[in-house]
Amino acid sequence: MHRFQELKVWQKAMDMTVRIYSCTENLPNTEKFGLISQIRRSTISICSNIAEGAGRNTKGEFIQFLGIANGSAYELQTQIELAYRLTFLNKEIKDGLVAEIEEIEKMLYNLIKSLK
């Protein structure tokens, strides 16, 4: 249906995923199978659901997957906040990541709105 690689929101989500992987490298090893894993799965879910939705047959299915991607963005925002409160991330990194996530959330909202 859509070439997901051309979607700016997918490109931004991919760039953010790379940054998330880099930022979570420094989290404690005790969180390897906990918060680190959850953060990484959430960020991967954003790009993956955008791509999967773009490959679906109908506009409605695409919108549904964009909604799932948006939910994953909110989940990721919560996990980043938790990592900050646990002092795994400093305020500067947390604020930068949250700003990126919020931008992706706005882009998803606008894309969904344009498809309706």
PDB file of N, CA and C in Angstrom:
ATOM      1  N   MET A   1       0.824  -1.190   0.000  1.00  0.00           N
ATOM      2  CA  MET A   1       0.000   0.000   0.000  1.00  0.00           C
ATOM      3  C   MET A   1       0.870   1.258   0.000  1.00  0.00           C
ATOM      4  N   HIS A   2       1.762   1.388   0.952  1.00  0.00           N
ATOM      5  CA  HIS A   2       2.677   2.525   1.044  1.00  0.00           C
ATOM      6  C   HIS A   2       4.113   2.012   1.080  1.00  0.00           C
ATOM      7  N   ARG A   3       5.016   2.800   0.587  1.00  0.00           N
ATOM      8  CA  ARG A   3       6.440   2.471   0.715  1.00  0.00           C
ATOM      9  C   ARG A   3       6.888   3.033   2.066  1.00  0.00           C
ATOM     10  N   PHE A   4       6.925   2.161   3.061  1.00  0.00           N
ATOM     11  CA  PHE A   4       7.182   2.621   4.426  1.00  0.00           C
ATOM     12  C   PHE A   4       8.538   3.298   4.570  1.00  0.00           C
ATOM     13  N   GLN A   5       9.514   2.901   3.748  1.00  0.00           N
ATOM     14  CA  GLN A   5      10.849   3.505   3.845  1.00  0.00           C
ATOM     15  C   GLN A   5      10.829   4.998   3.509  1.00  0.00           C
ATOM     16  N   GLU A   6       9.814   5.425   2.777  1.00  0.00           N
ATOM     17  CA  GLU A   6       9.695   6.830   2.408  1.00  0.00           C
ATOM     18  C   GLU A   6       8.938   7.664   3.443  1.00  0.00           C
ATOM     19  N   LEU A   7       8.320   7.000   4.405  1.00  0.00           N
ATOM     20  CA  LEU A   7       7.567   7.724   5.436  1.00  0.00           C
ATOM     21  C   LEU A   7       8.536   8.364   6.430  1.00  0.00           C
ATOM     22  N   LYS A   8       8.434   9.675   6.583  1.00  0.00           N
ATOM     23  CA  LYS A   8       9.333  10.393   7.507  1.00  0.00           C
ATOM     24  C   LYS A   8       9.204   9.880   8.933  1.00  0.00           C
ATOM     25  N   VAL A   9       8.001   9.501   9.333  1.00  0.00           N
ATOM     26  CA  VAL A   9       7.794   9.008  10.693  1.00  0.00           C
ATOM     27  C   VAL A   9       8.538   7.683  10.899  1.00  0.00           C
ATOM     28  N   TRP A  10       8.557   6.832   9.881  1.00  0.00           N
ATOM     29  CA  TRP A  10       9.302   5.571   9.984  1.00  0.00           C
ATOM     30  C   TRP A  10      10.796   5.863  10.068  1.00  0.00           C
ATOM     31  N   GLN A  11      11.283   6.795   9.249  1.00  0.00           N
ATOM     32  CA  GLN A  11      12.702   7.158   9.260  1.00  0.00           C
ATOM     33  C   GLN A  11      13.111   7.696  10.632  1.00  0.00           C
ATOM     34  N   LYS A  12      12.278   8.576  11.202  1.00  0.00           N
ATOM     35  CA  LYS A  12      12.568   9.133  12.528  1.00  0.00           C
ATOM     36  C   LYS A  12      12.539   8.050  13.593  1.00  0.00           C
ATOM     37  N   ALA A  13      11.586   7.141  13.493  1.00  0.00           N
ATOM     38  CA  ALA A  13      11.492   6.047  14.460  1.00  0.00           C
ATOM     39  C   ALA A  13      12.716   5.141  14.370  1.00  0.00           C
ATOM     40  N   MET A  14      13.196   4.899  13.173  1.00  0.00           N
ATOM     41  CA  MET A  14      14.405   4.084  12.997  1.00  0.00           C
ATOM     42  C   MET A  14      15.619   4.788  13.611  1.00  0.00           C
ATOM     43  N   ASP A  15      15.761   6.083  13.359  1.00  0.00           N
ATOM     44  CA  ASP A  15      16.878   6.844  13.936  1.00  0.00           C
ATOM     45  C   ASP A  15      16.815   6.816  15.465  1.00  0.00           C
ATOM     46  N   MET A  16      15.602   6.975  16.000  1.00  0.00           N
ATOM     47  CA  MET A  16      15.444   6.946  17.449  1.00  0.00           C
ATOM     48  C   MET A  16      15.808   5.571  18.005  1.00  0.00           C
ATOM     49  N   THR A  17      15.442   4.517  17.300  1.00  0.00           N
ATOM     50  CA  THR A  17      15.749   3.159  17.750  1.00  0.00           C
ATOM     51  C   THR A  17      17.251   2.963  17.882  1.00  0.00           C
ATOM     52  N   VAL A  18      17.998   3.474  16.921  1.00  0.00           N
ATOM     53  CA  VAL A  18      19.462   3.375  16.997  1.00  0.00           C
ATOM     54  C   VAL A  18      19.972   4.123  18.230  1.00  0.00           C
ATOM     55  N   ARG A  19      19.424   5.321  18.488  1.00  0.00           N
ATOM     56  CA  ARG A  19      19.841   6.092  19.672  1.00  0.00           C
ATOM     57  C   ARG A  19      19.464   5.362  20.964  1.00  0.00           C
ATOM     58  N   ILE A  20      18.280   4.771  20.993  1.00  0.00           N
ATOM     59  CA  ILE A  20      17.833   4.033  22.181  1.00  0.00           C
ATOM     60  C   ILE A  20      18.793   2.877  22.471  1.00  0.00           C
ATOM     61  N   TYR A  21      19.166   2.153  21.442  1.00  0.00           N
ATOM     62  CA  TYR A  21      20.112   1.045  21.639  1.00  0.00           C
ATOM     63  C   TYR A  21      21.414   1.561  22.237  1.00  0.00           C
ATOM     64  N   SER A  22      21.889   2.674  21.724  1.00  0.00           N
ATOM     65  CA  SER A  22      23.131   3.262  22.240  1.00  0.00           C
ATOM     66  C   SER A  22      22.982   3.691  23.698  1.00  0.00           C
ATOM     67  N   CYS A  23      21.881   4.349  24.023  1.00  0.00           N
ATOM     68  CA  CYS A  23      21.652   4.831  25.390  1.00  0.00           C
ATOM     69  C   CYS A  23      21.486   3.686  26.382  1.00  0.00           C
ATOM     70  N   THR A  24      20.890   2.593  25.952  1.00  0.00           N
ATOM     71  CA  THR A  24      20.647   1.495  26.889  1.00  0.00           C
ATOM     72  C   THR A  24      21.871   0.603  27.079  1.00  0.00           C
ATOM     73  N   GLU A  25      22.908   0.801  26.274  1.00  0.00           N
ATOM     74  CA  GLU A  25      24.152   0.041  26.454  1.00  0.00           C
ATOM     75  C   GLU A  25      24.753   0.281  27.839  1.00  0.00           C
ATOM     76  N   ASN A  26      24.532   1.470  28.384  1.00  0.00           N
ATOM     77  CA  ASN A  26      25.150   1.845  29.657  1.00  0.00           C
ATOM     78  C   ASN A  26      24.289   1.553  30.878  1.00  0.00           C
ATOM     79  N   LEU A  27      23.102   1.001  30.665  1.00  0.00           N
ATOM     80  CA  LEU A  27      22.266   0.649  31.808  1.00  0.00           C
ATOM     81  C   LEU A  27      22.850  -0.577  32.507  1.00  0.00           C
ATOM     82  N   PRO A  28      22.533  -0.766  33.777  1.00  0.00           N
ATOM     83  CA  PRO A  28      23.114  -1.885  34.531  1.00  0.00           C
ATOM     84  C   PRO A  28      22.780  -3.245  33.916  1.00  0.00           C
ATOM     85  N   ASN A  29      23.747  -4.153  33.968  1.00  0.00           N
ATOM     86  CA  ASN A  29      23.537  -5.507  33.448  1.00  0.00           C
ATOM     87  C   ASN A  29      22.373  -6.212  34.125  1.00  0.00           C
ATOM     88  N   THR A  30      22.075  -5.822  35.355  1.00  0.00           N
ATOM     89  CA  THR A  30      20.953  -6.445  36.067  1.00  0.00           C
ATOM     90  C   THR A  30      19.627  -6.160  35.367  1.00  0.00           C
ATOM     91  N   GLU A  31      19.600  -5.132  34.502  1.00  0.00           N
ATOM     92  CA  GLU A  31      18.381  -4.766  33.778  1.00  0.00           C
ATOM     93  C   GLU A  31      18.351  -5.328  32.357  1.00  0.00           C
ATOM     94  N   LYS A  32      19.341  -6.161  32.027  1.00  0.00           N
ATOM     95  CA  LYS A  32      19.442  -6.687  30.665  1.00  0.00           C
ATOM     96  C   LYS A  32      18.159  -7.381  30.206  1.00  0.00           C
ATOM     97  N   PHE A  33      17.558  -8.159  31.088  1.00  0.00           N
ATOM     98  CA  PHE A  33      16.346  -8.891  30.724  1.00  0.00           C
ATOM     99  C   PHE A  33      15.093  -8.223  31.280  1.00  0.00           C
ATOM    100  N   GLY A  34      15.256  -7.050  31.852  1.00  0.00           N
ATOM    101  CA  GLY A  34      14.136  -6.305  32.404  1.00  0.00           C
ATOM    102  C   GLY A  34      13.888  -5.043  31.603  1.00  0.00           C
ATOM    103  N   LEU A  35      14.263  -3.932  32.175  1.00  0.00           N
ATOM    104  CA  LEU A  35      13.953  -2.635  31.575  1.00  0.00           C
ATOM    105  C   LEU A  35      14.640  -2.431  30.221  1.00  0.00           C
ATOM    106  N   ILE A  36      15.883  -2.856  30.076  1.00  0.00           N
ATOM    107  CA  ILE A  36      16.581  -2.696  28.794  1.00  0.00           C
ATOM    108  C   ILE A  36      15.814  -3.424  27.691  1.00  0.00           C
ATOM    109  N   SER A  37      15.461  -4.658  27.962  1.00  0.00           N
ATOM    110  CA  SER A  37      14.725  -5.452  26.982  1.00  0.00           C
ATOM    111  C   SER A  37      13.389  -4.807  26.643  1.00  0.00           C
ATOM    112  N   GLN A  38      12.689  -4.330  27.640  1.00  0.00           N
ATOM    113  CA  GLN A  38      11.375  -3.714  27.424  1.00  0.00           C
ATOM    114  C   GLN A  38      11.492  -2.430  26.615  1.00  0.00           C
ATOM    115  N   ILE A  39      12.475  -1.597  26.938  1.00  0.00           N
ATOM    116  CA  ILE A  39      12.686  -0.346  26.195  1.00  0.00           C
ATOM    117  C   ILE A  39      12.982  -0.650  24.736  1.00  0.00           C
ATOM    118  N   ARG A  40      13.864  -1.594  24.506  1.00  0.00           N
ATOM    119  CA  ARG A  40      14.238  -1.929  23.131  1.00  0.00           C
ATOM    120  C   ARG A  40      13.063  -2.534  22.358  1.00  0.00           C
ATOM    121  N   ARG A  41      12.291  -3.367  23.003  1.00  0.00           N
ATOM    122  CA  ARG A  41      11.127  -3.949  22.314  1.00  0.00           C
ATOM    123  C   ARG A  41      10.097  -2.874  21.970  1.00  0.00           C
ATOM    124  N   SER A  42       9.917  -1.916  22.851  1.00  0.00           N
ATOM    125  CA  SER A  42       8.954  -0.841  22.576  1.00  0.00           C
ATOM    126  C   SER A  42       9.389   0.004  21.389  1.00  0.00           C
ATOM    127  N   THR A  43      10.669   0.351  21.341  1.00  0.00           N
ATOM    128  CA  THR A  43      11.131   1.207  20.243  1.00  0.00           C
ATOM    129  C   THR A  43      11.101   0.461  18.914  1.00  0.00           C
ATOM    130  N   ILE A  44      11.440  -0.828  18.948  1.00  0.00           N
ATOM    131  CA  ILE A  44      11.356  -1.639  17.725  1.00  0.00           C
ATOM    132  C   ILE A  44       9.901  -1.763  17.279  1.00  0.00           C
ATOM    133  N   SER A  45       9.004  -1.858  18.216  1.00  0.00           N
ATOM    134  CA  SER A  45       7.585  -1.991  17.905  1.00  0.00           C
ATOM    135  C   SER A  45       7.056  -0.787  17.133  1.00  0.00           C
ATOM    136  N   ILE A  46       7.570   0.384  17.429  1.00  0.00           N
ATOM    137  CA  ILE A  46       7.106   1.589  16.730  1.00  0.00           C
ATOM    138  C   ILE A  46       7.401   1.466  15.240  1.00  0.00           C
ATOM    139  N   CYS A  47       8.669   1.247  14.885  1.00  0.00           N
ATOM    140  CA  CYS A  47       9.010   1.164  13.447  1.00  0.00           C
ATOM    141  C   CYS A  47       8.374  -0.046  12.785  1.00  0.00           C
ATOM    142  N   SER A  48       8.358  -1.160  13.503  1.00  0.00           N
ATOM    143  CA  SER A  48       7.816  -2.398  12.920  1.00  0.00           C
ATOM    144  C   SER A  48       6.327  -2.277  12.607  1.00  0.00           C
ATOM    145  N   ASN A  49       5.577  -1.656  13.495  1.00  0.00           N
ATOM    146  CA  ASN A  49       4.136  -1.514  13.253  1.00  0.00           C
ATOM    147  C   ASN A  49       3.840  -0.512  12.146  1.00  0.00           C
ATOM    148  N   ILE A  50       4.663   0.515  12.013  1.00  0.00           N
ATOM    149  CA  ILE A  50       4.496   1.439  10.884  1.00  0.00           C
ATOM    150  C   ILE A  50       4.711   0.666   9.582  1.00  0.00           C
ATOM    151  N   ALA A  51       5.785  -0.124   9.539  1.00  0.00           N
ATOM    152  CA  ALA A  51       6.096  -0.896   8.332  1.00  0.00           C
ATOM    153  C   ALA A  51       5.019  -1.941   8.043  1.00  0.00           C
ATOM    154  N   GLU A  52       4.607  -2.675   9.072  1.00  0.00           N
ATOM    155  CA  GLU A  52       3.593  -3.710   8.855  1.00  0.00           C
ATOM    156  C   GLU A  52       2.284  -3.101   8.384  1.00  0.00           C
ATOM    157  N   GLY A  53       1.886  -2.004   8.995  1.00  0.00           N
ATOM    158  CA  GLY A  53       0.655  -1.341   8.583  1.00  0.00           C
ATOM    159  C   GLY A  53       0.713  -0.853   7.141  1.00  0.00           C
ATOM    160  N   ALA A  54       1.880  -0.349   6.743  1.00  0.00           N
ATOM    161  CA  ALA A  54       2.041   0.128   5.364  1.00  0.00           C
ATOM    162  C   ALA A  54       1.880  -1.000   4.362  1.00  0.00           C
ATOM    163  N   GLY A  55       2.184  -2.214   4.790  1.00  0.00           N
ATOM    164  CA  GLY A  55       2.077  -3.354   3.904  1.00  0.00           C
ATOM    165  C   GLY A  55       0.709  -4.011   3.888  1.00  0.00           C
ATOM    166  N   ARG A  56      -0.212  -3.531   4.684  1.00  0.00           N
ATOM    167  CA  ARG A  56      -1.563  -4.107   4.729  1.00  0.00           C
ATOM    168  C   ARG A  56      -2.386  -3.663   3.525  1.00  0.00           C
ATOM    169  N   ASN A  57      -3.505  -4.309   3.338  1.00  0.00           N
ATOM    170  CA  ASN A  57      -4.303  -4.105   2.123  1.00  0.00           C
ATOM    171  C   ASN A  57      -5.250  -2.919   2.169  1.00  0.00           C
ATOM    172  N   THR A  58      -5.600  -2.470   3.354  1.00  0.00           N
ATOM    173  CA  THR A  58      -6.589  -1.385   3.427  1.00  0.00           C
ATOM    174  C   THR A  58      -6.072  -0.231   4.269  1.00  0.00           C
ATOM    175  N   LYS A  59      -6.668   0.912   4.027  1.00  0.00           N
ATOM    176  CA  LYS A  59      -6.344   2.109   4.798  1.00  0.00           C
ATOM    177  C   LYS A  59      -6.687   1.903   6.270  1.00  0.00           C
ATOM    178  N   GLY A  60      -7.799   1.230   6.528  1.00  0.00           N
ATOM    179  CA  GLY A  60      -8.216   0.967   7.903  1.00  0.00           C
ATOM    180  C   GLY A  60      -7.192   0.128   8.664  1.00  0.00           C
ATOM    181  N   GLU A  61      -6.646  -0.879   7.996  1.00  0.00           N
ATOM    182  CA  GLU A  61      -5.615  -1.709   8.639  1.00  0.00           C
ATOM    183  C   GLU A  61      -4.363  -0.888   8.906  1.00  0.00           C
ATOM    184  N   PHE A  62      -3.994  -0.033   7.954  1.00  0.00           N
ATOM    185  CA  PHE A  62      -2.826   0.832   8.132  1.00  0.00           C
ATOM    186  C   PHE A  62      -3.025   1.727   9.350  1.00  0.00           C
ATOM    187  N   ILE A  63      -4.190   2.334   9.446  1.00  0.00           N
ATOM    188  CA  ILE A  63      -4.501   3.205  10.586  1.00  0.00           C
ATOM    189  C   ILE A  63      -4.415   2.421  11.896  1.00  0.00           C
ATOM    190  N   GLN A  64      -4.935   1.188  11.884  1.00  0.00           N
ATOM    191  CA  GLN A  64      -4.889   0.355  13.093  1.00  0.00           C
ATOM    192  C   GLN A  64      -3.440   0.131  13.536  1.00  0.00           C
ATOM    193  N   PHE A  65      -2.552  -0.185  12.609  1.00  0.00           N
ATOM    194  CA  PHE A  65      -1.161  -0.428  12.974  1.00  0.00           C
ATOM    195  C   PHE A  65      -0.440   0.853  13.381  1.00  0.00           C
ATOM    196  N   LEU A  66      -0.819   1.977  12.792  1.00  0.00           N
ATOM    197  CA  LEU A  66      -0.257   3.254  13.235  1.00  0.00           C
ATOM    198  C   LEU A  66      -0.685   3.544  14.669  1.00  0.00           C
ATOM    199  N   GLY A  67      -1.910   3.164  15.009  1.00  0.00           N
ATOM    200  CA  GLY A  67      -2.385   3.310  16.387  1.00  0.00           C
ATOM    201  C   GLY A  67      -1.590   2.439  17.352  1.00  0.00           C
ATOM    202  N   ILE A  68      -1.260   1.240  16.929  1.00  0.00           N
ATOM    203  CA  ILE A  68      -0.433   0.358  17.766  1.00  0.00           C
ATOM    204  C   ILE A  68       0.959   0.962  17.942  1.00  0.00           C
ATOM    205  N   ALA A  69       1.517   1.501  16.851  1.00  0.00           N
ATOM    206  CA  ALA A  69       2.828   2.162  16.935  1.00  0.00           C
ATOM    207  C   ALA A  69       2.776   3.326  17.915  1.00  0.00           C
ATOM    208  N   ASN A  70       1.683   4.079  17.879  1.00  0.00           N
ATOM    209  CA  ASN A  70       1.528   5.211  18.794  1.00  0.00           C
ATOM    210  C   ASN A  70       1.452   4.737  20.244  1.00  0.00           C
ATOM    211  N   GLY A  71       0.740   3.650  20.476  1.00  0.00           N
ATOM    212  CA  GLY A  71       0.686   3.076  21.822  1.00  0.00           C
ATOM    213  C   GLY A  71       2.064   2.663  22.300  1.00  0.00           C
ATOM    214  N   SER A  72       2.858   2.089  21.411  1.00  0.00           N
ATOM    215  CA  SER A  72       4.227   1.696  21.768  1.00  0.00           C
ATOM    216  C   SER A  72       5.078   2.923  22.088  1.00  0.00           C
ATOM    217  N   ALA A  73       4.824   4.026  21.407  1.00  0.00           N
ATOM    218  CA  ALA A  73       5.560   5.263  21.689  1.00  0.00           C
ATOM    219  C   ALA A  73       5.253   5.764  23.102  1.00  0.00           C
ATOM    220  N   TYR A  74       3.984   5.685  23.493  1.00  0.00           N
ATOM    221  CA  TYR A  74       3.615   6.089  24.853  1.00  0.00           C
ATOM    222  C   TYR A  74       4.221   5.137  25.889  1.00  0.00           C
ATOM    223  N   GLU A  75       4.240   3.862  25.555  1.00  0.00           N
ATOM    224  CA  GLU A  75       4.868   2.882  26.436  1.00  0.00           C
ATOM    225  C   GLU A  75       6.361   3.190  26.593  1.00  0.00           C
ATOM    226  N   LEU A  76       7.023   3.490  25.479  1.00  0.00           N
ATOM    227  CA  LEU A  76       8.447   3.825  25.513  1.00  0.00           C
ATOM    228  C   LEU A  76       8.698   5.077  26.341  1.00  0.00           C
ATOM    229  N   GLN A  77       7.846   6.065  26.198  1.00  0.00           N
ATOM    230  CA  GLN A  77       7.993   7.306  26.964  1.00  0.00           C
ATOM    231  C   GLN A  77       7.939   7.003  28.471  1.00  0.00           C
ATOM    232  N   THR A  78       7.044   6.125  28.872  1.00  0.00           N
ATOM    233  CA  THR A  78       6.923   5.726  30.274  1.00  0.00           C
ATOM    234  C   THR A  78       8.190   5.002  30.747  1.00  0.00           C
ATOM    235  N   GLN A  79       8.707   4.126  29.925  1.00  0.00           N
ATOM    236  CA  GLN A  79       9.909   3.373  30.292  1.00  0.00           C
ATOM    237  C   GLN A  79      11.137   4.274  30.401  1.00  0.00           C
ATOM    238  N   ILE A  80      11.234   5.258  29.529  1.00  0.00           N
ATOM    239  CA  ILE A  80      12.337   6.217  29.589  1.00  0.00           C
ATOM    240  C   ILE A  80      12.237   7.022  30.892  1.00  0.00           C
ATOM    241  N   GLU A  81      11.025   7.441  31.243  1.00  0.00           N
ATOM    242  CA  GLU A  81      10.810   8.166  32.503  1.00  0.00           C
ATOM    243  C   GLU A  81      11.199   7.298  33.695  1.00  0.00           C
ATOM    244  N   LEU A  82      10.850   6.034  33.655  1.00  0.00           N
ATOM    245  CA  LEU A  82      11.202   5.118  34.736  1.00  0.00           C
ATOM    246  C   LEU A  82      12.720   4.960  34.835  1.00  0.00           C
ATOM    247  N   ALA A  83      13.384   4.805  33.699  1.00  0.00           N
ATOM    248  CA  ALA A  83      14.847   4.677  33.697  1.00  0.00           C
ATOM    249  C   ALA A  83      15.495   5.923  34.300  1.00  0.00           C
ATOM    250  N   TYR A  84      14.916   7.086  34.030  1.00  0.00           N
ATOM    251  CA  TYR A  84      15.413   8.328  34.617  1.00  0.00           C
ATOM    252  C   TYR A  84      15.191   8.346  36.131  1.00  0.00           C
ATOM    253  N   ARG A  85      13.994   7.974  36.571  1.00  0.00           N
ATOM    254  CA  ARG A  85      13.691   7.976  38.005  1.00  0.00           C
ATOM    255  C   ARG A  85      14.547   6.967  38.775  1.00  0.00           C
ATOM    256  N   LEU A  86      14.950   5.913  38.095  1.00  0.00           N
ATOM    257  CA  LEU A  86      15.842   4.919  38.718  1.00  0.00           C
ATOM    258  C   LEU A  86      17.305   5.342  38.612  1.00  0.00           C
ATOM    259  N   THR A  87      17.530   6.529  38.081  1.00  0.00           N
ATOM    260  CA  THR A  87      18.849   7.146  37.871  1.00  0.00           C
ATOM    261  C   THR A  87      19.731   6.361  36.900  1.00  0.00           C
ATOM    262  N   PHE A  88      19.106   5.662  35.958  1.00  0.00           N
ATOM    263  CA  PHE A  88      19.855   4.970  34.907  1.00  0.00           C
ATOM    264  C   PHE A  88      20.172   5.911  33.750  1.00  0.00           C
ATOM    265  N   LEU A  89      19.361   6.962  33.591  1.00  0.00           N
ATOM    266  CA  LEU A  89      19.565   7.970  32.546  1.00  0.00           C
ATOM    267  C   LEU A  89      19.640   9.336  33.200  1.00  0.00           C
ATOM    268  N   ASN A  90      20.492  10.207  32.655  1.00  0.00           N
ATOM    269  CA  ASN A  90      20.524  11.569  33.191  1.00  0.00           C
ATOM    270  C   ASN A  90      19.423  12.402  32.534  1.00  0.00           C
ATOM    271  N   LYS A  91      19.165  13.561  33.094  1.00  0.00           N
ATOM    272  CA  LYS A  91      18.059  14.411  32.641  1.00  0.00           C
ATOM    273  C   LYS A  91      18.218  14.834  31.189  1.00  0.00           C
ATOM    274  N   GLU A  92      19.413  15.150  30.776  1.00  0.00           N
ATOM    275  CA  GLU A  92      19.656  15.593  29.402  1.00  0.00           C
ATOM    276  C   GLU A  92      19.300  14.497  28.392  1.00  0.00           C
ATOM    277  N   ILE A  93      19.731  13.287  28.657  1.00  0.00           N
ATOM    278  CA  ILE A  93      19.418  12.169  27.756  1.00  0.00           C
ATOM    279  C   ILE A  93      17.916  11.895  27.783  1.00  0.00           C
ATOM    280  N   LYS A  94      17.348  11.854  28.980  1.00  0.00           N
ATOM    281  CA  LYS A  94      15.902  11.607  29.105  1.00  0.00           C
ATOM    282  C   LYS A  94      15.100  12.651  28.344  1.00  0.00           C
ATOM    283  N   ASP A  95      15.425  13.921  28.536  1.00  0.00           N
ATOM    284  CA  ASP A  95      14.678  14.989  27.869  1.00  0.00           C
ATOM    285  C   ASP A  95      14.808  14.909  26.348  1.00  0.00           C
ATOM    286  N   GLY A  96      15.998  14.579  25.862  1.00  0.00           N
ATOM    287  CA  GLY A  96      16.205  14.444  24.422  1.00  0.00           C
ATOM    288  C   GLY A  96      15.387  13.305  23.837  1.00  0.00           C
ATOM    289  N   LEU A  97      15.386  12.165  24.526  1.00  0.00           N
ATOM    290  CA  LEU A  97      14.615  11.016  24.052  1.00  0.00           C
ATOM    291  C   LEU A  97      13.117  11.293  24.097  1.00  0.00           C
ATOM    292  N   VAL A  98      12.655  11.910  25.177  1.00  0.00           N
ATOM    293  CA  VAL A  98      11.230  12.229  25.297  1.00  0.00           C
ATOM    294  C   VAL A  98      10.805  13.193  24.187  1.00  0.00           C
ATOM    295  N   ALA A  99      11.652  14.167  23.875  1.00  0.00           N
ATOM    296  CA  ALA A  99      11.330  15.102  22.786  1.00  0.00           C
ATOM    297  C   ALA A  99      11.202  14.359  21.456  1.00  0.00           C
ATOM    298  N   GLU A 100      12.089  13.413  21.209  1.00  0.00           N
ATOM    299  CA  GLU A 100      12.012  12.607  19.980  1.00  0.00           C
ATOM    300  C   GLU A 100      10.740  11.770  19.941  1.00  0.00           C
ATOM    301  N   ILE A 101      10.437  11.149  21.059  1.00  0.00           N
ATOM    302  CA  ILE A 101       9.230  10.311  21.127  1.00  0.00           C
ATOM    303  C   ILE A 101       7.989  11.163  20.891  1.00  0.00           C
ATOM    304  N   GLU A 102       7.918  12.322  21.526  1.00  0.00           N
ATOM    305  CA  GLU A 102       6.759  13.196  21.356  1.00  0.00           C
ATOM    306  C   GLU A 102       6.615  13.658  19.910  1.00  0.00           C
ATOM    307  N   GLU A 103       7.737  13.912  19.240  1.00  0.00           N
ATOM    308  CA  GLU A 103       7.680  14.301  17.832  1.00  0.00           C
ATOM    309  C   GLU A 103       7.117  13.159  16.986  1.00  0.00           C
ATOM    310  N   ILE A 104       7.534  11.937  17.276  1.00  0.00           N
ATOM    311  CA  ILE A 104       7.024  10.770  16.552  1.00  0.00           C
ATOM    312  C   ILE A 104       5.528  10.587  16.833  1.00  0.00           C
ATOM    313  N   GLU A 105       5.125  10.781  18.081  1.00  0.00           N
ATOM    314  CA  GLU A 105       3.699  10.678  18.420  1.00  0.00           C
ATOM    315  C   GLU A 105       2.874  11.685  17.620  1.00  0.00           C
ATOM    316  N   LYS A 106       3.367  12.912  17.496  1.00  0.00           N
ATOM    317  CA  LYS A 106       2.660  13.937  16.718  1.00  0.00           C
ATOM    318  C   LYS A 106       2.606  13.560  15.244  1.00  0.00           C
ATOM    319  N   MET A 107       3.701  13.032  14.733  1.00  0.00           N
ATOM    320  CA  MET A 107       3.741  12.625  13.328  1.00  0.00           C
ATOM    321  C   MET A 107       2.764  11.479  13.071  1.00  0.00           C
ATOM    322  N   LEU A 108       2.708  10.534  13.994  1.00  0.00           N
ATOM    323  CA  LEU A 108       1.756   9.427  13.853  1.00  0.00           C
ATOM    324  C   LEU A 108       0.323   9.940  13.882  1.00  0.00           C
ATOM    325  N   TYR A 109       0.040  10.837  14.808  1.00  0.00           N
ATOM    326  CA  TYR A 109      -1.299  11.414  14.913  1.00  0.00           C
ATOM    327  C   TYR A 109      -1.690  12.100  13.609  1.00  0.00           C
ATOM    328  N   ASN A 110      -0.759  12.898  13.068  1.00  0.00           N
ATOM    329  CA  ASN A 110      -1.056  13.616  11.831  1.00  0.00           C
ATOM    330  C   ASN A 110      -1.207  12.678  10.638  1.00  0.00           C
ATOM    331  N   LEU A 111      -0.424  11.626  10.610  1.00  0.00           N
ATOM    332  CA  LEU A 111      -0.557  10.649   9.520  1.00  0.00           C
ATOM    333  C   LEU A 111      -1.904   9.939   9.612  1.00  0.00           C
ATOM    334  N   ILE A 112      -2.273   9.530  10.809  1.00  0.00           N
ATOM    335  CA  ILE A 112      -3.577   8.886  11.000  1.00  0.00           C
ATOM    336  C   ILE A 112      -4.698   9.822  10.569  1.00  0.00           C
ATOM    337  N   LYS A 113      -4.599  11.076  11.005  1.00  0.00           N
ATOM    338  CA  LYS A 113      -5.617  12.079  10.668  1.00  0.00           C
ATOM    339  C   LYS A 113      -5.722  12.269   9.155  1.00  0.00           C
ATOM    340  N   SER A 114      -4.584  12.262   8.474  1.00  0.00           N
ATOM    341  CA  SER A 114      -4.599  12.479   7.021  1.00  0.00           C
ATOM    342  C   SER A 114      -5.189  11.282   6.262  1.00  0.00           C
ATOM    343  N   LEU A 115      -5.144  10.113   6.878  1.00  0.00           N
ATOM    344  CA  LEU A 115      -5.660   8.913   6.232  1.00  0.00           C
ATOM    345  C   LEU A 115      -7.166   8.727   6.420  1.00  0.00           C
ATOM    346  N   LYS A 116      -7.735   9.418   7.409  1.00  0.00           N
ATOM    347  CA  LYS A 116      -9.173   9.270   7.702  1.00  0.00           C
ATOM    348  C   LYS A 116     -10.026  10.061   6.724  1.00  0.00           C
TER     349      LYS A 116
END
